[in-house]
Every structure is written in C-alpha cells, then in structure tokens.
Amino acid sequence: MTSAAPTTRLLLVLVLGMALAAPTPWNANAWGQTQEGSPTNPSAAAQPLEPRPWIAIRGVYGGFPQTFLDRGQTLKDVGINAVWVGSGSLSQDLIAACRQQGVKIFAEFNSMHYAEYLKDHPEAAPIGLDGQPEPAPNGWQGVSAHDPGYRANRMAEFRRILTEYEIDGIWLDYHHAHADWERDDPLLPDTDFSPTALLEFQKATGIRLPRLLPPQLSRFILENHHDAWVQWRCDVFTDWVREYKDIRDEVRPKALLGTFHCPWGPEERDHAIRTKLAIDLKAQAAYLDVFSIMPYHARFGHAEDPAWIARQTNRLGRLLDVQGTPEETIKIWPIVQLADWGQAVTPEQVAAVVEFGSRRPATGIMVFHWSGLANQPAKLDALSAAYRALAGLAQHP
C-alpha cells in the first residue's frame, strides 16, 4: 500500500459522511426515508400542529357547520374554508351562505348507490354467483354499472346538478361494485353476472363463453378468465368516470371532479380494491382532479393507531406518483374520521387525526362528518384549534 492510502481513505470517509448527512427531499416512492417527526413521514409519531402552507383546503363533510356561527364565530375564525354536502341538500341559499362566509362548496354525488332506481327497474340489480340478484350487504344496495338505463339516469342527474348550482366541485361517492367495505370486516360479494354484462364482456374481450347455467358460468369465468374479467370490470367503472368528466368539462369546466374512495392499497385483502370493488385508481387518475381517500381509522379497526391514516395516504401517493407539491395537477385530500362510527374518537385524539391526515402527499383535508360533530363542543374546539394551527392563525385565548 502506498503512502497516499491513508489520505484516500480519509477523503472517502468525508465524502460518505457528507452524503449521509445531506438532507433527502421527500419522495412518495421513498416511504420512510424522511426524518422521524417529519410531516411527510407516515411512520412518525404525531407531532404538534404547526402551519402547513401546502394544505390549501380545510373542510367539513356532511353539512353546513352552522354551530360555529351560532357560537358567534365565522368559519374563517375556526380555520374552515370548504364544505361538502350531499347533492340532494344543495340549494341556492346554502351556496349563498358559503359565499358569504368565504368558503368553497363541494357536492357529493351518489354514483352506484341510487337504490330508488331499482323500484321501477329491478333488472338493474347486481347479479351474484348464483345468477340471482345479490342481497344488499348490510343494507348497502348497489346498482349494476352495466345497466344502460341506470347509467343514463346518473349522467342526467350529474348534468342537472352542475347546470343548476354554481359549485366549486363535485365528488363521486359509492363509485364501486356492489359491496359493504366501510367496516373492519367488509362484505365483498362477486358480481355482476347479468346477461347484459356477460354480453359486453364477450364483446370487449373477444372471449367466447360456453353455454352454462348461471352458477356454473360465473364460476367458469372466475376460474378461467379471472384477470380479463377483473380488468374489464375496472375499465367499465373507469369509463363512467370519463363520462362524468366529459359532462363536467362541458357544463362547469372550472369545477373540480373528485372521488371518495376505499383506503386499501393495491395488494390488501388479496387485491380486493380491484378484484371485488372494480376500482382502478391509476386509470381513473386520467379523469379526476382530487382523490379523497377515506381512512376512517376508528371505523376500520385502528382506533388506537391514527398513524394508519398517514400510512394509507402515503400508499396512495406512491400509487399515483403524487408528492403533494403545488404544481401537481392531481391532488390528494383525505377525509378523516372525527365522528363516532365504530369505536369512538375522543376530543383528545382530534389533533393527532388532523396531523396525520394533513401530511404530504395530502394538500387538503376534510373531517367526517358534521352531523356527528355538531353537538360535541369539545370536539369542535379541538377541530378549530387544529385547523387554526394548520392555517397559521393565532390560537384563541
């Protein structure tokens, strides 16, 4: 070894040390590489809430938060700048009230769960493995995405809402196959084996199905053409989103198009988000502006682990390649649980829920749901404190 070797080793140590010490910019594809405590690290413990200028939206879902006004506050006082309501609750007076408060108003639109349609059109019910209408899982009655009459009904109603109401955006709800996934033990039946769906599947894929009785035919498809069936089902639901976007672009192009969706990652529950719910989030990203993942931690068995909210949101960011930067066209605005549904969410947990829900890649956040919060003053105070902190507003004395 030459006399230069010690110097070479010293330089190598210095270079490696500088590389390891250099700050690493957050990347949605580098989960867990940020420092502990960072508002981008999904594995970190909850941190004290401080201003997060990347959070542009601080919303409430499920009604206009009148209770704050009744307490002599404005919505700006409590850090709220957006409200989501069901499309059936929209009115010109409500929109005027939101404008007066300086907040955005968004509508929730029932896509695949308008069960009233089945009263006059029973043929639009989703068909199960046995060839019969699949019972509603825990009362959550879906409608077939393959029924042309139902699709026309929903598109007409979607157009009417955007035409009549000057809203800032519209969010799809229950845009998935017939199921009840909003619980820690979901019910996920295999559907939809209706005659219309089977004909469309053959036409779209070129697969010739044998002449079998419905129970045998449905199982034949799942055993022999499972991947093709799943992909085609996802494509159908994605095409609905494309048509919703076309209507939005025509009628109210400045309105955002968002979706409330299942919080599972692609591999969870044996890929159920695709195989059972027919949701292809990457494909839908071509038509959507905002993804509102629904990580209801208490409802889904994570009552003592609100960090699950950040982990699931981070997984979505990695899937969509969204990092939470201002220039990105696709946004992630989680809807997080504060109301008691499943296990209770205590007022003491509110700050942690909001903190985990507002970590990048999120650039907005809303809380679920107003009717479950309106009469809980301790939670309202905690929500106000959390939102004011995010917005960089001084705390009330």
Protein backbone atom coordinates (compact mmCIF):
# COMPACT_ATOMS: atom_id res chain seq x y z
CA MET A 1 0.00 0.00 0.00
CA THR A 2 1.36 3.44 -0.93
CA SER A 3 1.78 6.41 1.39
CA ALA A 4 -1.30 8.05 -0.27
CA ALA A 5 -3.67 5.33 1.03
CA PRO A 6 -4.49 6.97 4.41
CA THR A 7 -5.32 10.24 2.64
CA THR A 8 -7.52 8.40 0.17
CA ARG A 9 -9.38 6.62 2.96
CA LEU A 10 -9.88 9.90 4.81
CA LEU A 11 -11.34 11.56 1.72
CA LEU A 12 -13.66 8.60 1.17
CA VAL A 13 -14.90 8.79 4.76
CA LEU A 14 -15.52 12.53 4.42
CA VAL A 15 -17.44 12.14 1.16
CA LEU A 16 -19.59 9.33 2.54
CA GLY A 17 -20.26 11.30 5.69
CA MET A 18 -21.38 14.34 3.70
CA ALA A 19 -23.68 12.19 1.54
CA LEU A 20 -25.30 10.59 4.56
CA ALA A 21 -25.73 13.94 6.30
CA ALA A 22 -27.23 15.69 3.28
CA PRO A 23 -30.99 16.27 3.57
CA THR A 24 -33.10 13.98 1.43
CA PRO A 25 -36.02 15.65 -0.35
CA TRP A 26 -39.26 13.81 0.27
CA ASN A 27 -40.27 11.37 -2.41
CA ALA A 28 -43.53 9.44 -2.44
CA ASN A 29 -41.60 6.44 -3.73
CA ALA A 30 -39.18 6.50 -0.78
CA TRP A 31 -41.57 5.72 2.05
CA GLY A 32 -39.95 6.06 5.47
CA GLN A 33 -36.73 7.73 4.33
CA THR A 34 -37.58 11.08 5.87
CA GLN A 35 -36.58 12.02 9.39
CA GLU A 36 -38.69 10.86 12.32
CA GLY A 37 -41.23 13.53 13.15
CA SER A 38 -41.35 14.97 9.66
CA PRO A 39 -44.84 15.88 8.37
CA THR A 40 -44.06 13.67 5.37
CA ASN A 41 -43.09 10.54 7.32
CA PRO A 42 -46.07 8.16 7.69
CA SER A 43 -44.34 6.12 10.40
CA ALA A 44 -43.62 9.03 12.75
CA ALA A 45 -45.44 9.77 15.97
CA ALA A 46 -47.99 12.57 15.97
CA GLN A 47 -46.33 15.98 16.08
CA PRO A 48 -47.53 19.32 17.45
CA LEU A 49 -49.58 21.06 14.80
CA GLU A 50 -47.86 23.99 13.14
CA PRO A 51 -48.62 25.94 9.96
CA ARG A 52 -48.68 23.72 6.88
CA PRO A 53 -48.90 26.08 3.92
CA TRP A 54 -49.24 23.19 1.48
CA ILE A 55 -52.67 22.38 2.98
CA ALA A 56 -54.92 24.54 0.81
CA ILE A 57 -58.24 23.02 1.93
CA ARG A 58 -59.51 22.55 5.48
CA GLY A 59 -63.00 21.21 5.12
CA VAL A 60 -66.04 19.73 6.80
CA TYR A 61 -68.10 16.96 5.22
CA GLY A 62 -71.78 16.34 5.77
CA GLY A 63 -73.46 19.72 6.14
CA PHE A 64 -73.01 23.40 6.72
CA PRO A 65 -71.29 23.96 10.12
CA GLN A 66 -73.92 26.33 11.48
CA THR A 67 -73.00 25.60 15.10
CA PHE A 68 -69.88 27.74 14.83
CA LEU A 69 -71.95 30.69 13.60
CA ASP A 70 -74.42 30.15 16.44
CA ARG A 71 -71.46 30.45 18.81
CA GLY A 72 -70.66 33.87 17.38
CA GLN A 73 -67.77 32.68 15.21
CA THR A 74 -67.18 32.82 11.47
CA LEU A 75 -65.90 29.82 9.56
CA LYS A 76 -62.69 31.74 8.96
CA ASP A 77 -62.36 32.14 12.74
CA VAL A 78 -62.20 28.36 13.11
CA GLY A 79 -59.98 27.70 10.09
CA ILE A 80 -62.63 26.15 7.83
CA ASN A 81 -62.53 27.12 4.17
CA ALA A 82 -64.55 24.36 2.47
CA VAL A 83 -67.82 22.49 2.96
CA TRP A 84 -69.06 19.24 1.39
CA VAL A 85 -72.78 18.41 1.24
CA GLY A 86 -74.82 15.73 -0.45
CA SER A 87 -76.08 16.87 -3.84
CA GLY A 88 -79.65 16.44 -2.62
CA SER A 89 -79.01 19.07 0.06
CA LEU A 90 -77.84 21.74 -2.37
CA SER A 91 -79.82 24.96 -2.52
CA GLN A 92 -79.19 28.49 -3.66
CA ASP A 93 -79.49 29.66 -0.04
CA LEU A 94 -76.82 27.21 1.07
CA ILE A 95 -74.48 28.32 -1.69
CA ALA A 96 -75.09 31.96 -0.74
CA ALA A 97 -74.30 31.17 2.90
CA CYS A 98 -70.99 29.57 1.88
CA ARG A 99 -70.11 32.52 -0.33
CA GLN A 100 -70.91 34.93 2.48
CA GLN A 101 -68.50 33.01 4.73
CA GLY A 102 -65.85 32.94 2.03
CA VAL A 103 -65.70 29.14 1.83
CA LYS A 104 -65.83 26.77 -1.11
CA ILE A 105 -68.77 24.44 -1.52
CA PHE A 106 -68.49 20.97 -2.96
CA ALA A 107 -71.22 18.42 -3.66
CA GLU A 108 -71.16 14.68 -3.05
CA PHE A 109 -72.75 12.68 -5.88
CA ASN A 110 -74.23 9.21 -5.45
CA SER A 111 -72.86 7.21 -8.35
CA MET A 112 -73.65 3.49 -7.90
CA HIS A 113 -75.87 3.52 -4.82
CA TYR A 114 -79.10 5.16 -6.05
CA ALA A 115 -81.24 2.25 -4.92
CA GLU A 116 -84.52 4.07 -5.69
CA TYR A 117 -83.89 3.24 -9.34
CA LEU A 118 -84.43 -0.45 -8.64
CA LYS A 119 -88.06 0.05 -7.63
CA ASP A 120 -89.08 0.54 -11.24
CA HIS A 121 -86.08 -1.22 -12.80
CA PRO A 122 -85.42 -4.43 -10.84
CA GLU A 123 -83.42 -5.77 -13.77
CA ALA A 124 -80.66 -3.28 -12.87
CA ALA A 125 -79.82 -5.11 -9.63
CA PRO A 126 -76.32 -6.60 -9.48
CA ILE A 127 -76.34 -10.34 -10.16
CA GLY A 128 -74.38 -12.69 -7.93
CA LEU A 129 -72.62 -16.01 -8.49
CA ASP A 130 -75.90 -17.93 -8.33
CA GLY A 131 -77.49 -15.91 -11.15
CA GLN A 132 -79.86 -14.14 -8.76
CA PRO A 133 -79.90 -10.51 -7.55
CA GLU A 134 -77.20 -10.22 -4.90
CA PRO A 135 -78.63 -9.18 -1.49
CA ALA A 136 -77.60 -5.78 -0.20
CA PRO A 137 -74.59 -6.26 2.11
CA ASN A 138 -75.64 -4.71 5.42
CA GLY A 139 -78.19 -2.61 3.54
CA TRP A 140 -75.69 -1.10 1.09
CA GLN A 141 -77.62 -1.63 -2.14
CA GLY A 142 -75.58 -1.08 -5.28
CA VAL A 143 -76.87 -0.88 -8.83
CA SER A 144 -75.37 -2.51 -11.90
CA ALA A 145 -72.80 -0.40 -13.73
CA HIS A 146 -73.73 -2.36 -16.85
CA ASP A 147 -77.37 -1.29 -16.99
CA PRO A 148 -77.65 1.36 -19.74
CA GLY A 149 -80.77 2.91 -18.26
CA TYR A 150 -79.13 3.42 -14.89
CA ARG A 151 -76.06 4.95 -16.47
CA ALA A 152 -78.23 7.38 -18.42
CA ASN A 153 -80.10 8.25 -15.22
CA ARG A 154 -76.93 9.07 -13.30
CA MET A 155 -75.38 11.08 -16.09
CA ALA A 156 -78.53 13.15 -16.49
CA GLU A 157 -78.64 13.87 -12.76
CA PHE A 158 -74.94 14.72 -12.72
CA ARG A 159 -75.51 17.19 -15.56
CA ARG A 160 -78.52 18.73 -13.80
CA ILE A 161 -76.59 19.40 -10.60
CA LEU A 162 -73.71 21.07 -12.39
CA THR A 163 -76.12 23.10 -14.51
CA GLU A 164 -78.33 24.35 -11.69
CA TYR A 165 -75.74 25.01 -8.98
CA GLU A 166 -72.62 27.13 -9.12
CA ILE A 167 -70.49 24.83 -7.02
CA ASP A 168 -66.72 24.57 -6.75
CA GLY A 169 -66.60 20.87 -7.40
CA ILE A 170 -68.40 17.55 -7.28
CA TRP A 171 -67.20 14.29 -5.68
CA LEU A 172 -68.25 10.79 -6.72
CA ASP A 173 -69.43 8.59 -3.86
CA TYR A 174 -70.00 4.82 -3.86
CA HIS A 175 -68.35 4.55 -7.25
CA HIS A 176 -67.57 0.87 -6.98
CA ALA A 177 -69.16 -2.54 -7.30
CA HIS A 178 -71.94 -3.77 -5.01
CA ALA A 179 -70.34 -4.23 -1.56
CA ASP A 180 -70.03 -3.01 2.00
CA TRP A 181 -66.37 -2.21 2.60
CA GLU A 182 -66.77 0.65 5.12
CA ARG A 183 -66.08 -1.56 8.14
CA ASP A 184 -63.26 -3.66 9.58
CA ASP A 185 -64.95 -6.89 8.37
CA PRO A 186 -66.12 -5.98 4.85
CA LEU A 187 -68.66 -7.92 2.80
CA LEU A 188 -67.38 -8.23 -0.76
CA PRO A 189 -69.60 -10.42 -2.96
CA ASP A 190 -68.64 -11.30 -6.52
CA THR A 191 -70.89 -9.52 -9.01
CA ASP A 192 -72.10 -8.62 -11.70
CA PHE A 193 -73.05 -11.58 -13.85
CA SER A 194 -76.10 -10.06 -15.51
CA PRO A 195 -76.94 -11.05 -19.11
CA THR A 196 -76.02 -7.54 -20.28
CA ALA A 197 -72.68 -7.66 -18.50
CA LEU A 198 -71.84 -11.10 -19.91
CA LEU A 199 -72.58 -9.97 -23.46
CA GLU A 200 -70.50 -6.81 -23.01
CA PHE A 201 -67.61 -8.82 -21.57
CA GLN A 202 -67.51 -11.11 -24.58
CA LYS A 203 -67.72 -8.21 -27.00
CA ALA A 204 -64.97 -6.21 -25.27
CA THR A 205 -62.53 -9.09 -24.77
CA GLY A 206 -63.26 -11.45 -27.65
CA ILE A 207 -63.68 -14.30 -25.15
CA ARG A 208 -66.39 -16.80 -26.11
CA LEU A 209 -68.27 -18.09 -23.09
CA PRO A 210 -69.79 -21.59 -23.06
CA ARG A 211 -73.50 -22.24 -22.67
CA LEU A 212 -73.81 -23.00 -18.98
CA LEU A 213 -76.35 -22.35 -16.27
CA PRO A 214 -75.66 -19.07 -14.39
CA PRO A 215 -73.97 -20.60 -11.30
CA GLN A 216 -71.65 -22.70 -13.43
CA LEU A 217 -70.96 -19.87 -15.88
CA SER A 218 -69.98 -17.35 -13.21
CA ARG A 219 -67.55 -19.81 -11.66
CA PHE A 220 -66.20 -20.73 -15.09
CA ILE A 221 -65.37 -17.06 -15.69
CA LEU A 222 -63.62 -16.62 -12.35
CA GLU A 223 -61.66 -19.85 -12.71
CA ASN A 224 -60.66 -19.49 -16.36
CA HIS A 225 -60.79 -15.77 -17.20
CA HIS A 226 -60.34 -14.09 -13.83
CA ASP A 227 -57.79 -11.47 -14.84
CA ALA A 228 -59.64 -10.50 -18.00
CA TRP A 229 -62.91 -10.25 -16.05
CA VAL A 230 -61.38 -8.06 -13.34
CA GLN A 231 -59.70 -5.74 -15.83
CA TRP A 232 -62.85 -5.37 -17.89
CA ARG A 233 -64.93 -4.61 -14.80
CA CYS A 234 -62.43 -1.94 -13.75
CA ASP A 235 -62.48 -0.49 -17.25
CA VAL A 236 -66.25 -0.12 -17.13
CA PHE A 237 -66.15 1.84 -13.87
CA THR A 238 -63.29 3.95 -15.22
CA ASP A 239 -65.32 4.73 -18.32
CA TRP A 240 -68.11 6.07 -16.12
CA VAL A 241 -65.55 8.48 -14.64
CA ARG A 242 -64.53 9.52 -18.15
CA GLU A 243 -68.14 10.35 -18.97
CA TYR A 244 -68.59 12.27 -15.73
CA LYS A 245 -65.51 14.31 -16.65
CA ASP A 246 -66.83 14.98 -20.16
CA ILE A 247 -70.04 16.40 -18.65
CA ARG A 248 -68.09 18.49 -16.13
CA ASP A 249 -65.86 19.85 -18.90
CA GLU A 250 -68.89 20.83 -20.93
CA VAL A 251 -71.15 22.26 -18.23
CA ARG A 252 -68.91 23.67 -15.50
CA PRO A 253 -65.26 23.29 -16.51
CA LYS A 254 -63.84 25.19 -13.53
CA ALA A 255 -65.44 22.79 -11.03
CA LEU A 256 -63.19 20.12 -9.57
CA LEU A 257 -64.02 16.46 -10.10
CA GLY A 258 -63.14 14.33 -7.10
CA THR A 259 -63.89 10.91 -5.69
CA PHE A 260 -64.37 9.44 -2.23
CA HIS A 261 -62.76 6.03 -2.33
CA CYS A 262 -61.72 2.94 -0.41
CA PRO A 263 -58.43 3.40 1.51
CA TRP A 264 -56.96 -0.01 0.75
CA GLY A 265 -53.68 -0.36 -1.07
CA PRO A 266 -53.48 -2.41 -4.28
CA GLU A 267 -52.32 -5.59 -2.53
CA GLU A 268 -54.52 -5.50 0.56
CA ARG A 269 -57.19 -8.14 1.10
CA ASP A 270 -55.93 -10.12 -1.89
CA HIS A 271 -56.16 -7.11 -4.26
CA ALA A 272 -59.81 -6.59 -3.34
CA ILE A 273 -59.96 -2.93 -4.36
CA ARG A 274 -59.72 -4.16 -7.96
CA THR A 275 -60.98 -7.74 -7.84
CA LYS A 276 -64.05 -7.07 -5.69
CA LEU A 277 -64.75 -3.33 -5.92
CA ALA A 278 -63.68 -2.78 -9.55
CA ILE A 279 -61.71 0.35 -8.62
CA ASP A 280 -58.63 1.13 -10.72
CA LEU A 281 -57.32 4.34 -9.16
CA LYS A 282 -54.39 4.73 -11.54
CA ALA A 283 -56.69 4.51 -14.55
CA GLN A 284 -59.22 6.89 -13.02
CA ALA A 285 -56.44 9.42 -12.42
CA ALA A 286 -56.64 10.34 -16.10
CA TYR A 287 -60.05 11.91 -15.44
CA LEU A 288 -60.04 13.07 -11.80
CA ASP A 289 -58.67 16.18 -10.14
CA VAL A 290 -58.82 15.09 -6.50
CA PHE A 291 -58.66 11.76 -4.68
CA SER A 292 -60.29 11.78 -1.24
CA ILE A 293 -59.12 8.58 0.38
CA MET A 294 -61.32 7.50 3.30
CA PRO A 295 -59.00 6.23 6.08
CA TYR A 296 -61.61 6.11 8.86
CA HIS A 297 -59.23 4.79 11.48
CA ALA A 298 -61.74 4.07 14.26
CA ARG A 299 -64.27 2.50 11.91
CA PHE A 300 -61.67 0.25 10.30
CA GLY A 301 -60.12 -1.19 13.45
CA HIS A 302 -57.31 1.34 14.01
CA ALA A 303 -58.82 3.40 16.81
CA GLU A 304 -55.54 3.39 18.76
CA ASP A 305 -53.38 3.85 15.69
CA PRO A 306 -54.24 7.12 13.92
CA ALA A 307 -50.85 6.94 12.17
CA TRP A 308 -52.61 4.42 9.90
CA ILE A 309 -54.19 7.46 8.24
CA ALA A 310 -50.80 8.72 7.09
CA ARG A 311 -49.63 5.27 6.05
CA GLN A 312 -52.62 4.69 3.79
CA THR A 313 -52.44 8.19 2.32
CA ASN A 314 -48.76 7.68 1.62
CA ARG A 315 -49.50 4.43 -0.19
CA LEU A 316 -51.97 6.29 -2.39
CA GLY A 317 -49.34 8.91 -3.16
CA ARG A 318 -46.89 6.22 -4.21
CA LEU A 319 -49.52 4.55 -6.40
CA LEU A 320 -50.44 7.79 -8.18
CA ASP A 321 -46.93 9.29 -8.06
CA VAL A 322 -48.27 12.30 -6.16
CA GLN A 323 -45.97 14.03 -3.69
CA GLY A 324 -48.09 16.97 -2.56
CA THR A 325 -46.38 19.78 -4.44
CA PRO A 326 -48.23 22.87 -5.72
CA GLU A 327 -47.53 22.22 -9.39
CA GLU A 328 -49.12 18.76 -9.43
CA THR A 329 -52.42 18.52 -11.26
CA ILE A 330 -53.67 15.55 -9.22
CA LYS A 331 -54.47 16.33 -5.58
CA ILE A 332 -54.97 14.09 -2.53
CA TRP A 333 -57.39 15.44 0.09
CA PRO A 334 -58.11 12.74 2.70
CA ILE A 335 -61.40 12.63 4.56
CA VAL A 336 -60.61 11.64 8.16
CA GLN A 337 -62.90 10.40 10.91
CA LEU A 338 -63.79 12.57 13.89
CA ALA A 339 -67.39 11.44 14.40
CA ASP A 340 -68.05 8.29 16.41
CA TRP A 341 -68.67 5.44 13.96
CA GLY A 342 -67.45 2.07 15.05
CA GLN A 343 -65.23 2.93 18.01
CA ALA A 344 -65.35 6.44 19.43
CA VAL A 345 -62.94 9.21 18.52
CA THR A 346 -62.19 11.25 21.62
CA PRO A 347 -61.63 15.02 21.64
CA GLU A 348 -58.07 14.31 22.77
CA GLN A 349 -57.41 12.39 19.56
CA VAL A 350 -58.64 15.11 17.18
CA ALA A 351 -55.27 16.87 16.85
CA ALA A 352 -53.48 13.61 16.02
CA VAL A 353 -56.09 12.66 13.41
CA VAL A 354 -55.78 16.04 11.71
CA GLU A 355 -51.99 15.95 11.98
CA PHE A 356 -51.67 12.55 10.33
CA GLY A 357 -54.31 13.42 7.72
CA SER A 358 -52.52 16.60 6.68
CA ARG A 359 -49.11 15.09 5.98
CA ARG A 360 -47.87 15.13 2.43
CA PRO A 361 -48.83 13.92 -0.13
CA ALA A 362 -52.09 15.47 1.12
CA THR A 363 -52.67 19.09 0.08
CA GLY A 364 -56.12 19.30 1.64
CA ILE A 365 -58.13 17.61 4.37
CA MET A 366 -61.75 17.29 5.46
CA VAL A 367 -63.38 15.75 8.50
CA PHE A 368 -66.19 13.20 8.66
CA HIS A 369 -68.90 14.07 9.48
CA TRP A 370 -70.70 17.23 10.52
CA SER A 371 -73.91 15.71 11.90
CA GLY A 372 -71.80 13.59 14.26
CA LEU A 373 -69.80 16.60 15.45
CA ALA A 374 -72.31 19.45 15.64
CA ASN A 375 -73.37 18.66 19.21
CA GLN A 376 -69.95 17.78 20.59
CA PRO A 377 -68.43 21.10 21.72
CA ALA A 378 -65.17 19.58 22.93
CA LYS A 379 -64.50 18.11 19.51
CA LEU A 380 -65.49 21.35 17.80
CA ASP A 381 -63.00 23.24 19.95
CA ALA A 382 -60.29 20.68 19.17
CA LEU A 383 -61.08 20.84 15.45
CA SER A 384 -60.95 24.62 15.49
CA ALA A 385 -57.59 24.58 17.26
CA ALA A 386 -56.19 22.06 14.78
CA TYR A 387 -57.40 23.88 11.68
CA ARG A 388 -56.26 27.25 13.00
CA ALA A 389 -52.81 25.76 13.58
CA LEU A 390 -52.67 24.40 10.03
CA ALA A 391 -53.70 27.80 8.68
CA GLY A 392 -51.15 29.66 10.80
CA LEU A 393 -53.82 31.55 12.74
CA ALA A 394 -53.25 32.61 16.31
CA GLN A 395 -54.97 30.38 18.84
CA HIS A 396 -57.94 31.72 20.75
CA PRO A 397 -57.10 32.73 24.30
